[in-house]
N, C-alpha and C. Protein backbone atom coordinates (compact mmCIF):
# COMPACT_ATOMS: atom_id res chain seq x y z
N ALA A 1 12.16 87.63 -82.80
CA ALA A 1 12.03 88.67 -83.79
C ALA A 1 13.12 88.56 -84.84
N GLY A 2 14.29 88.04 -84.45
CA GLY A 2 15.40 87.94 -85.39
C GLY A 2 15.06 87.08 -86.59
N SER A 3 14.49 85.89 -86.34
CA SER A 3 14.13 85.02 -87.46
C SER A 3 13.07 85.67 -88.33
N THR A 4 12.13 86.37 -87.69
CA THR A 4 11.07 87.02 -88.45
C THR A 4 11.65 88.12 -89.33
N GLY A 5 12.60 88.90 -88.82
CA GLY A 5 13.26 89.93 -89.62
C GLY A 5 14.00 89.32 -90.79
N LYS A 6 14.64 88.18 -90.57
CA LYS A 6 15.35 87.49 -91.66
C LYS A 6 14.34 86.95 -92.66
N GLY A 7 13.19 86.52 -92.18
CA GLY A 7 12.13 86.05 -93.07
C GLY A 7 11.64 87.15 -93.99
N VAL A 8 11.51 88.36 -93.45
CA VAL A 8 11.11 89.51 -94.26
C VAL A 8 12.14 89.75 -95.35
N ALA A 9 13.42 89.71 -94.99
CA ALA A 9 14.49 89.92 -95.98
C ALA A 9 14.44 88.85 -97.07
N ALA A 10 14.23 87.59 -96.70
CA ALA A 10 14.14 86.52 -97.69
C ALA A 10 12.91 86.70 -98.57
N ALA A 11 11.79 87.09 -97.98
CA ALA A 11 10.57 87.33 -98.77
C ALA A 11 10.81 88.46 -99.77
N GLU A 12 11.45 89.52 -99.33
CA GLU A 12 11.72 90.65 -100.24
C GLU A 12 12.66 90.23 -101.36
N ALA A 13 13.66 89.40 -101.05
CA ALA A 13 14.56 88.93 -102.10
C ALA A 13 13.81 88.05 -103.10
N LEU A 14 12.98 87.15 -102.61
CA LEU A 14 12.20 86.30 -103.53
C LEU A 14 11.20 87.11 -104.35
N GLU A 15 10.74 88.20 -103.79
CA GLU A 15 9.81 89.08 -104.53
C GLU A 15 10.46 89.60 -105.82
N THR A 16 11.80 89.70 -105.83
CA THR A 16 12.49 90.19 -107.04
C THR A 16 12.41 89.20 -108.19
N VAL A 17 12.24 87.90 -107.89
CA VAL A 17 12.15 86.90 -108.96
C VAL A 17 10.75 86.31 -109.09
N ALA A 18 9.92 86.49 -108.07
CA ALA A 18 8.57 85.91 -108.09
C ALA A 18 7.58 86.94 -107.55
N PRO A 19 7.43 88.07 -108.24
CA PRO A 19 6.56 89.13 -107.72
C PRO A 19 5.10 88.70 -107.60
N GLY A 20 4.50 89.12 -106.48
CA GLY A 20 3.08 88.92 -106.29
C GLY A 20 2.65 87.58 -105.74
N ILE A 21 3.60 86.65 -105.55
CA ILE A 21 3.21 85.31 -105.06
C ILE A 21 3.96 84.92 -103.79
N VAL A 22 4.62 85.88 -103.15
CA VAL A 22 5.45 85.62 -101.97
C VAL A 22 4.64 85.83 -100.70
N ALA A 23 4.78 84.90 -99.75
CA ALA A 23 4.14 85.04 -98.44
C ALA A 23 5.08 84.52 -97.37
N LEU A 24 4.98 85.09 -96.18
CA LEU A 24 5.81 84.71 -95.05
C LEU A 24 4.97 83.97 -94.02
N LYS A 25 5.38 82.75 -93.68
CA LYS A 25 4.72 81.98 -92.62
C LYS A 25 5.57 82.14 -91.37
N TRP A 26 5.06 82.90 -90.43
CA TRP A 26 5.79 83.22 -89.21
C TRP A 26 6.36 81.98 -88.58
N PRO A 27 7.59 82.01 -88.08
CA PRO A 27 8.48 83.16 -88.16
C PRO A 27 9.51 83.08 -89.28
N ASN A 28 9.63 81.91 -89.93
CA ASN A 28 10.82 81.74 -90.76
C ASN A 28 10.66 80.90 -92.02
N ASP A 29 9.47 80.76 -92.55
CA ASP A 29 9.27 80.07 -93.82
C ASP A 29 8.73 81.07 -94.84
N VAL A 30 9.23 80.96 -96.06
CA VAL A 30 8.73 81.80 -97.14
C VAL A 30 8.06 80.90 -98.16
N TRP A 31 6.86 81.27 -98.53
CA TRP A 31 6.06 80.51 -99.48
C TRP A 31 5.97 81.24 -100.81
N LEU A 32 5.85 80.45 -101.87
CA LEU A 32 5.51 80.95 -103.20
C LEU A 32 4.23 80.23 -103.60
N SER A 33 3.20 80.98 -103.90
CA SER A 33 1.90 80.42 -104.28
C SER A 33 1.42 79.36 -103.30
N GLY A 34 1.61 79.62 -102.01
CA GLY A 34 1.09 78.74 -100.98
C GLY A 34 1.90 77.50 -100.67
N ARG A 35 3.12 77.41 -101.23
CA ARG A 35 3.98 76.26 -100.95
C ARG A 35 5.35 76.77 -100.48
N LYS A 36 5.97 76.00 -99.58
CA LYS A 36 7.25 76.42 -99.00
C LYS A 36 8.36 76.38 -100.03
N ALA A 37 9.08 77.52 -100.13
CA ALA A 37 10.23 77.62 -101.03
C ALA A 37 11.49 77.99 -100.27
N CYS A 38 11.35 78.40 -99.01
CA CYS A 38 12.50 78.88 -98.25
C CYS A 38 12.28 78.63 -96.77
N GLY A 39 13.33 78.21 -96.10
CA GLY A 39 13.29 78.05 -94.65
C GLY A 39 14.53 78.68 -94.04
N ILE A 40 14.38 79.17 -92.82
CA ILE A 40 15.47 79.86 -92.14
C ILE A 40 15.61 79.27 -90.74
N ILE A 41 16.85 79.06 -90.34
CA ILE A 41 17.12 78.62 -88.97
C ILE A 41 18.23 79.49 -88.42
N ALA A 42 18.07 79.92 -87.18
CA ALA A 42 19.09 80.73 -86.50
C ALA A 42 19.49 80.02 -85.22
N GLU A 43 20.79 79.99 -84.94
CA GLU A 43 21.28 79.36 -83.72
C GLU A 43 22.25 80.31 -83.04
N ALA A 44 21.99 80.58 -81.78
CA ALA A 44 22.85 81.45 -80.99
C ALA A 44 24.09 80.68 -80.54
N VAL A 45 25.25 81.33 -80.62
CA VAL A 45 26.50 80.78 -80.11
C VAL A 45 26.89 81.64 -78.91
N THR A 46 27.04 80.97 -77.76
CA THR A 46 27.34 81.70 -76.53
C THR A 46 28.73 81.34 -76.01
N ASP A 47 29.26 82.19 -75.15
CA ASP A 47 30.54 81.92 -74.50
C ASP A 47 30.28 81.15 -73.20
N ALA A 48 31.35 80.90 -72.42
CA ALA A 48 31.22 80.11 -71.20
C ALA A 48 30.28 80.75 -70.19
N ALA A 49 30.15 82.07 -70.21
CA ALA A 49 29.26 82.78 -69.28
C ALA A 49 27.86 82.98 -69.87
N GLN A 50 27.57 82.29 -70.96
CA GLN A 50 26.28 82.38 -71.66
C GLN A 50 26.04 83.73 -72.32
N GLY A 51 27.10 84.49 -72.55
CA GLY A 51 26.99 85.74 -73.30
C GLY A 51 26.95 85.43 -74.79
N LEU A 52 26.16 86.16 -75.52
CA LEU A 52 26.02 85.93 -76.96
C LEU A 52 27.30 86.32 -77.69
N ARG A 53 27.86 85.38 -78.43
CA ARG A 53 29.04 85.65 -79.25
C ARG A 53 28.64 85.97 -80.68
N CYS A 54 27.71 85.19 -81.23
CA CYS A 54 27.24 85.42 -82.59
C CYS A 54 25.99 84.58 -82.83
N VAL A 55 25.38 84.78 -83.97
CA VAL A 55 24.24 83.97 -84.39
C VAL A 55 24.58 83.36 -85.74
N LEU A 56 24.45 82.04 -85.81
CA LEU A 56 24.63 81.35 -87.08
C LEU A 56 23.29 81.33 -87.79
N LEU A 57 23.29 81.71 -89.03
CA LEU A 57 22.05 81.82 -89.79
C LEU A 57 22.12 80.89 -91.00
N GLY A 58 21.15 80.01 -91.11
CA GLY A 58 21.05 79.14 -92.27
C GLY A 58 19.79 79.47 -93.05
N ILE A 59 19.95 79.72 -94.33
CA ILE A 59 18.81 80.04 -95.19
C ILE A 59 18.85 79.09 -96.38
N GLY A 60 17.80 78.33 -96.54
CA GLY A 60 17.70 77.44 -97.69
C GLY A 60 16.59 77.91 -98.61
N ILE A 61 16.94 78.16 -99.86
CA ILE A 61 15.95 78.60 -100.85
C ILE A 61 15.95 77.62 -102.01
N ASN A 62 14.77 77.10 -102.33
CA ASN A 62 14.62 76.27 -103.52
C ASN A 62 14.52 77.22 -104.71
N VAL A 63 15.59 77.29 -105.48
CA VAL A 63 15.64 78.27 -106.57
C VAL A 63 15.25 77.64 -107.90
N ASN A 64 16.05 76.72 -108.40
CA ASN A 64 15.83 76.21 -109.75
C ASN A 64 15.48 74.73 -109.80
N LEU A 65 14.88 74.22 -108.73
CA LEU A 65 14.42 72.84 -108.75
C LEU A 65 13.27 72.68 -109.74
N ALA A 66 13.29 71.58 -110.46
CA ALA A 66 12.15 71.21 -111.30
C ALA A 66 11.18 70.39 -110.44
N LEU A 67 9.95 70.26 -110.89
CA LEU A 67 8.96 69.52 -110.14
C LEU A 67 9.43 68.10 -109.82
N ASN A 68 10.09 67.46 -110.77
CA ASN A 68 10.58 66.09 -110.56
C ASN A 68 11.69 66.01 -109.53
N ASP A 69 12.33 67.14 -109.21
CA ASP A 69 13.38 67.18 -108.19
C ASP A 69 12.80 67.12 -106.77
N ILE A 70 11.53 67.42 -106.63
CA ILE A 70 10.88 67.42 -105.32
C ILE A 70 10.24 66.05 -105.11
N PRO A 71 10.50 65.42 -103.96
CA PRO A 71 9.89 64.10 -103.71
C PRO A 71 8.37 64.18 -103.84
N PRO A 72 7.77 63.14 -104.43
CA PRO A 72 6.31 63.17 -104.67
C PRO A 72 5.48 63.47 -103.43
N ASP A 73 5.92 63.00 -102.26
CA ASP A 73 5.13 63.21 -101.05
C ASP A 73 5.23 64.65 -100.52
N LEU A 74 6.11 65.47 -101.10
CA LEU A 74 6.24 66.87 -100.69
C LEU A 74 5.71 67.86 -101.71
N ARG A 75 5.31 67.38 -102.87
CA ARG A 75 4.93 68.29 -103.96
C ARG A 75 3.72 69.16 -103.65
N ASP A 76 2.86 68.73 -102.73
CA ASP A 76 1.71 69.57 -102.39
C ASP A 76 2.07 70.64 -101.36
N ARG A 77 3.32 70.57 -100.81
CA ARG A 77 3.73 71.53 -99.77
C ARG A 77 4.99 72.30 -100.13
N ALA A 78 5.78 71.84 -101.09
CA ALA A 78 7.06 72.48 -101.42
C ALA A 78 7.08 72.92 -102.88
N THR A 79 7.89 73.92 -103.14
CA THR A 79 8.03 74.43 -104.51
C THR A 79 9.40 75.07 -104.65
N SER A 80 9.64 75.62 -105.81
CA SER A 80 10.86 76.40 -106.06
C SER A 80 10.46 77.65 -106.83
N ALA A 81 11.38 78.59 -106.91
CA ALA A 81 11.10 79.80 -107.69
C ALA A 81 10.85 79.42 -109.15
N ARG A 82 11.59 78.46 -109.66
CA ARG A 82 11.42 78.03 -111.05
C ARG A 82 10.03 77.42 -111.29
N ILE A 83 9.60 76.56 -110.37
CA ILE A 83 8.28 75.93 -110.52
C ILE A 83 7.19 76.99 -110.42
N ALA A 84 7.32 77.88 -109.44
CA ALA A 84 6.27 78.88 -109.19
C ALA A 84 6.16 79.92 -110.29
N THR A 85 7.29 80.23 -110.96
CA THR A 85 7.26 81.29 -111.97
C THR A 85 7.31 80.77 -113.39
N GLY A 86 7.71 79.49 -113.56
CA GLY A 86 7.82 78.93 -114.91
C GLY A 86 9.09 79.31 -115.64
N ARG A 87 10.04 79.90 -114.91
CA ARG A 87 11.31 80.26 -115.56
C ARG A 87 12.47 80.10 -114.58
N ALA A 88 13.64 79.79 -115.12
CA ALA A 88 14.85 79.66 -114.30
C ALA A 88 15.22 81.02 -113.73
N CYS A 89 15.82 81.01 -112.55
CA CYS A 89 16.21 82.26 -111.88
C CYS A 89 17.73 82.34 -111.80
N ASP A 90 18.25 83.54 -111.88
CA ASP A 90 19.67 83.78 -111.73
C ASP A 90 20.00 83.71 -110.24
N ARG A 91 20.70 82.66 -109.83
CA ARG A 91 21.00 82.45 -108.41
C ARG A 91 21.89 83.54 -107.84
N ILE A 92 22.81 84.06 -108.64
CA ILE A 92 23.71 85.12 -108.16
C ILE A 92 22.91 86.39 -107.88
N GLU A 93 22.01 86.74 -108.78
CA GLU A 93 21.17 87.93 -108.55
C GLU A 93 20.28 87.75 -107.34
N LEU A 94 19.72 86.56 -107.16
CA LEU A 94 18.88 86.30 -106.00
C LEU A 94 19.70 86.36 -104.71
N ALA A 95 20.90 85.77 -104.72
CA ALA A 95 21.77 85.82 -103.54
C ALA A 95 22.15 87.27 -103.22
N SER A 96 22.44 88.05 -104.23
CA SER A 96 22.77 89.46 -104.02
C SER A 96 21.60 90.21 -103.40
N ALA A 97 20.40 89.98 -103.93
CA ALA A 97 19.21 90.62 -103.38
C ALA A 97 19.01 90.20 -101.92
N LEU A 98 19.23 88.90 -101.63
CA LEU A 98 19.07 88.41 -100.27
C LEU A 98 20.07 89.07 -99.33
N PHE A 99 21.35 89.10 -99.70
CA PHE A 99 22.37 89.70 -98.82
C PHE A 99 22.11 91.18 -98.61
N ASN A 100 21.70 91.89 -99.66
CA ASN A 100 21.39 93.31 -99.52
C ASN A 100 20.22 93.53 -98.58
N ARG A 101 19.15 92.72 -98.72
CA ARG A 101 17.98 92.87 -97.85
C ARG A 101 18.29 92.45 -96.41
N LEU A 102 19.10 91.39 -96.24
CA LEU A 102 19.49 90.99 -94.89
C LEU A 102 20.24 92.12 -94.19
N HIS A 103 21.18 92.72 -94.89
CA HIS A 103 21.94 93.83 -94.31
C HIS A 103 21.02 95.01 -93.97
N SER A 104 20.18 95.38 -94.91
CA SER A 104 19.29 96.52 -94.70
C SER A 104 18.34 96.28 -93.53
N ARG A 105 17.70 95.12 -93.50
CA ARG A 105 16.75 94.82 -92.42
C ARG A 105 17.46 94.68 -91.08
N TYR A 106 18.66 94.08 -91.07
CA TYR A 106 19.43 93.97 -89.83
C TYR A 106 19.73 95.37 -89.27
N MET A 107 20.17 96.27 -90.13
CA MET A 107 20.49 97.63 -89.68
C MET A 107 19.24 98.35 -89.16
N GLU A 108 18.11 98.14 -89.83
CA GLU A 108 16.85 98.76 -89.36
C GLU A 108 16.47 98.25 -87.97
N ILE A 109 16.59 96.95 -87.78
CA ILE A 109 16.22 96.36 -86.49
C ILE A 109 17.20 96.81 -85.40
N GLU A 110 18.49 96.85 -85.73
CA GLU A 110 19.49 97.32 -84.76
C GLU A 110 19.22 98.76 -84.34
N THR A 111 18.82 99.59 -85.29
CA THR A 111 18.61 101.01 -85.02
C THR A 111 17.26 101.30 -84.38
N ASN A 112 16.20 100.67 -84.90
CA ASN A 112 14.84 101.04 -84.50
C ASN A 112 14.02 99.91 -83.88
N GLY A 113 14.62 98.74 -83.70
CA GLY A 113 13.89 97.60 -83.16
C GLY A 113 13.03 96.94 -84.22
N PHE A 114 12.40 95.84 -83.84
CA PHE A 114 11.60 95.08 -84.79
C PHE A 114 10.43 95.88 -85.36
N ALA A 115 9.96 96.86 -84.60
CA ALA A 115 8.82 97.66 -85.05
C ALA A 115 9.06 98.25 -86.45
N ALA A 116 10.32 98.47 -86.81
CA ALA A 116 10.64 99.05 -88.12
C ALA A 116 10.29 98.12 -89.27
N VAL A 117 10.34 96.81 -89.04
CA VAL A 117 10.05 95.86 -90.12
C VAL A 117 8.70 95.17 -89.96
N ARG A 118 8.01 95.45 -88.85
CA ARG A 118 6.71 94.81 -88.61
C ARG A 118 5.72 95.04 -89.74
N PRO A 119 5.60 96.25 -90.30
CA PRO A 119 4.64 96.43 -91.41
C PRO A 119 4.93 95.51 -92.61
N ALA A 120 6.21 95.33 -92.95
CA ALA A 120 6.55 94.44 -94.06
C ALA A 120 6.23 93.00 -93.70
N CYS A 121 6.49 92.63 -92.44
CA CYS A 121 6.18 91.28 -91.99
C CYS A 121 4.68 91.01 -92.10
N GLU A 122 3.87 91.95 -91.69
CA GLU A 122 2.42 91.76 -91.78
C GLU A 122 1.94 91.80 -93.23
N ARG A 123 2.58 92.62 -94.07
CA ARG A 123 2.20 92.68 -95.49
C ARG A 123 2.42 91.34 -96.17
N TYR A 124 3.49 90.66 -95.84
CA TYR A 124 3.80 89.37 -96.45
C TYR A 124 3.13 88.19 -95.74
N SER A 125 2.51 88.42 -94.60
CA SER A 125 2.02 87.33 -93.76
C SER A 125 1.02 86.42 -94.47
N ALA A 126 1.31 85.12 -94.37
CA ALA A 126 0.38 84.10 -94.87
C ALA A 126 -0.62 83.71 -93.79
N LEU A 127 -0.48 84.30 -92.59
CA LEU A 127 -1.27 83.85 -91.45
C LEU A 127 -2.40 84.78 -91.04
N MET A 128 -2.36 86.04 -91.44
CA MET A 128 -3.35 87.02 -90.97
C MET A 128 -4.77 86.52 -91.20
N GLY A 129 -5.56 86.48 -90.11
CA GLY A 129 -6.96 86.07 -90.20
C GLY A 129 -7.18 84.58 -90.34
N ARG A 130 -6.11 83.81 -90.34
CA ARG A 130 -6.23 82.36 -90.53
C ARG A 130 -6.24 81.65 -89.19
N ARG A 131 -6.95 80.53 -89.14
CA ARG A 131 -6.97 79.70 -87.94
C ARG A 131 -5.73 78.83 -87.94
N VAL A 132 -4.99 78.85 -86.83
CA VAL A 132 -3.73 78.12 -86.73
C VAL A 132 -3.66 77.35 -85.41
N THR A 133 -2.74 76.40 -85.39
CA THR A 133 -2.35 75.74 -84.15
C THR A 133 -0.84 75.88 -84.04
N VAL A 134 -0.39 76.35 -82.88
CA VAL A 134 1.03 76.51 -82.63
C VAL A 134 1.45 75.46 -81.60
N VAL A 135 2.47 74.68 -81.94
CA VAL A 135 2.99 73.67 -81.04
C VAL A 135 4.38 74.11 -80.59
N ASP A 136 4.56 74.20 -79.27
CA ASP A 136 5.85 74.57 -78.69
C ASP A 136 6.12 73.58 -77.56
N GLY A 137 6.90 72.54 -77.85
CA GLY A 137 7.10 71.48 -76.88
C GLY A 137 5.80 70.73 -76.67
N ASP A 138 5.34 70.67 -75.42
CA ASP A 138 4.08 70.01 -75.10
C ASP A 138 2.89 70.97 -75.17
N ALA A 139 3.16 72.26 -75.31
CA ALA A 139 2.08 73.26 -75.32
C ALA A 139 1.49 73.41 -76.72
N ARG A 140 0.17 73.50 -76.79
CA ARG A 140 -0.54 73.73 -78.05
C ARG A 140 -1.46 74.93 -77.86
N THR A 141 -1.39 75.85 -78.80
CA THR A 141 -2.25 77.03 -78.77
C THR A 141 -2.96 77.12 -80.11
N ALA A 142 -4.29 77.19 -80.08
CA ALA A 142 -5.08 77.29 -81.31
C ALA A 142 -5.88 78.58 -81.30
N GLY A 143 -6.01 79.18 -82.46
CA GLY A 143 -6.80 80.39 -82.57
C GLY A 143 -6.62 81.05 -83.92
N VAL A 144 -7.09 82.29 -84.02
CA VAL A 144 -7.03 83.05 -85.26
C VAL A 144 -5.95 84.11 -85.13
N VAL A 145 -5.08 84.19 -86.13
CA VAL A 145 -3.97 85.15 -86.10
C VAL A 145 -4.50 86.56 -86.33
N ARG A 146 -4.11 87.47 -85.44
CA ARG A 146 -4.53 88.87 -85.51
C ARG A 146 -3.40 89.81 -85.88
N GLY A 147 -2.15 89.35 -85.83
CA GLY A 147 -1.05 90.22 -86.21
C GLY A 147 0.25 89.80 -85.57
N ILE A 148 1.19 90.72 -85.64
CA ILE A 148 2.52 90.55 -85.07
C ILE A 148 2.80 91.82 -84.28
N ASP A 149 3.33 91.66 -83.07
CA ASP A 149 3.56 92.86 -82.27
C ASP A 149 4.94 93.46 -82.57
N ASP A 150 5.25 94.55 -81.89
CA ASP A 150 6.49 95.28 -82.16
C ASP A 150 7.75 94.53 -81.73
N ASP A 151 7.58 93.40 -81.05
CA ASP A 151 8.71 92.55 -80.68
C ASP A 151 8.82 91.33 -81.59
N GLY A 152 7.91 91.18 -82.56
CA GLY A 152 7.93 90.05 -83.48
C GLY A 152 7.13 88.86 -83.02
N ALA A 153 6.41 88.98 -81.90
CA ALA A 153 5.59 87.89 -81.41
C ALA A 153 4.31 87.79 -82.24
N LEU A 154 3.84 86.56 -82.43
CA LEU A 154 2.60 86.29 -83.15
C LEU A 154 1.43 86.50 -82.19
N LEU A 155 0.42 87.25 -82.62
CA LEU A 155 -0.74 87.54 -81.80
C LEU A 155 -1.91 86.70 -82.28
N ILE A 156 -2.50 85.92 -81.37
CA ILE A 156 -3.57 84.99 -81.72
C ILE A 156 -4.75 85.21 -80.78
N ASP A 157 -5.95 85.23 -81.35
CA ASP A 157 -7.17 85.21 -80.54
C ASP A 157 -7.56 83.76 -80.34
N THR A 158 -7.50 83.30 -79.09
CA THR A 158 -7.87 81.93 -78.75
C THR A 158 -9.24 81.93 -78.08
N ASP A 159 -9.79 80.77 -77.83
CA ASP A 159 -11.06 80.67 -77.11
C ASP A 159 -10.94 81.23 -75.70
N ALA A 160 -9.73 81.18 -75.14
CA ALA A 160 -9.50 81.68 -73.78
C ALA A 160 -9.10 83.15 -73.76
N GLY A 161 -8.99 83.77 -74.93
CA GLY A 161 -8.59 85.17 -75.00
C GLY A 161 -7.32 85.34 -75.83
N PRO A 162 -6.78 86.56 -75.86
CA PRO A 162 -5.59 86.82 -76.68
C PRO A 162 -4.36 86.07 -76.17
N ALA A 163 -3.51 85.64 -77.10
CA ALA A 163 -2.25 84.97 -76.76
C ALA A 163 -1.13 85.62 -77.56
N ARG A 164 0.02 85.69 -76.93
CA ARG A 164 1.23 86.24 -77.56
C ARG A 164 2.22 85.08 -77.67
N ILE A 165 2.56 84.69 -78.90
CA ILE A 165 3.39 83.52 -79.16
C ILE A 165 4.79 83.97 -79.55
N LEU A 166 5.80 83.47 -78.82
CA LEU A 166 7.18 83.82 -79.10
C LEU A 166 7.90 82.76 -79.92
N THR A 167 7.56 81.49 -79.70
CA THR A 167 8.19 80.40 -80.43
C THR A 167 7.17 79.31 -80.70
N GLY A 168 7.46 78.48 -81.67
CA GLY A 168 6.61 77.33 -81.94
C GLY A 168 6.49 77.04 -83.41
N ASP A 169 5.97 75.87 -83.70
CA ASP A 169 5.73 75.43 -85.06
C ASP A 169 4.27 75.69 -85.39
N VAL A 170 4.02 76.48 -86.42
CA VAL A 170 2.67 76.90 -86.77
C VAL A 170 2.10 76.03 -87.88
N SER A 171 0.91 75.48 -87.63
CA SER A 171 0.17 74.75 -88.66
C SER A 171 -1.07 75.55 -88.99
N ILE A 172 -1.32 75.75 -90.27
CA ILE A 172 -2.50 76.49 -90.71
C ILE A 172 -3.60 75.51 -91.06
N GLU A 173 -4.76 75.73 -90.47
CA GLU A 173 -5.90 74.86 -90.74
C GLU A 173 -6.26 74.92 -92.22
N GLY A 174 -6.24 73.77 -92.88
CA GLY A 174 -6.62 73.69 -94.28
C GLY A 174 -5.58 74.21 -95.26
N ALA A 175 -4.34 74.41 -94.82
CA ALA A 175 -3.33 75.01 -95.69
C ALA A 175 -3.03 74.19 -96.93
N TYR A 176 -3.05 72.87 -96.82
CA TYR A 176 -2.68 72.04 -97.97
C TYR A 176 -3.82 71.18 -98.46
N ASP A 177 -5.04 71.60 -98.17
CA ASP A 177 -6.21 70.84 -98.65
C ASP A 177 -6.43 71.05 -100.13
């Protein structure tokens, strides 16, 4: 749920520079006009007894890249705020919006759990109603996305019935056709 909450914050920050074209691909990619513009990675740091000390958070946002800055083999899947909107973005303002949204969403989740940000996560979702395949190690789960639960898990209707996905790499059928 943590990465998904951070994804909501990043989507909201990008909405300030690219309104109406932002989508969240569970749990941690933000798209502009159907192409990836932002990725998030979180890594837990534990002590010797495996107690959580902190979480390192990495957020990469393609802000002012020109089309020629993106390798040709990625241009059908990657973008930047500049490419998607046709104008350069103020990186300081975007960073400020991101830090403000991260703080706000973190406090909401700490106080009320992930359920507090679930509606925003579903509003931005690029996956709702789409057929996906989730790969987690050797396990593959395919089905249609039905939502996100109050813990941040992805809910999928599979041929074998409902599935609750906590981790994995999601591929959307026909996403880059």
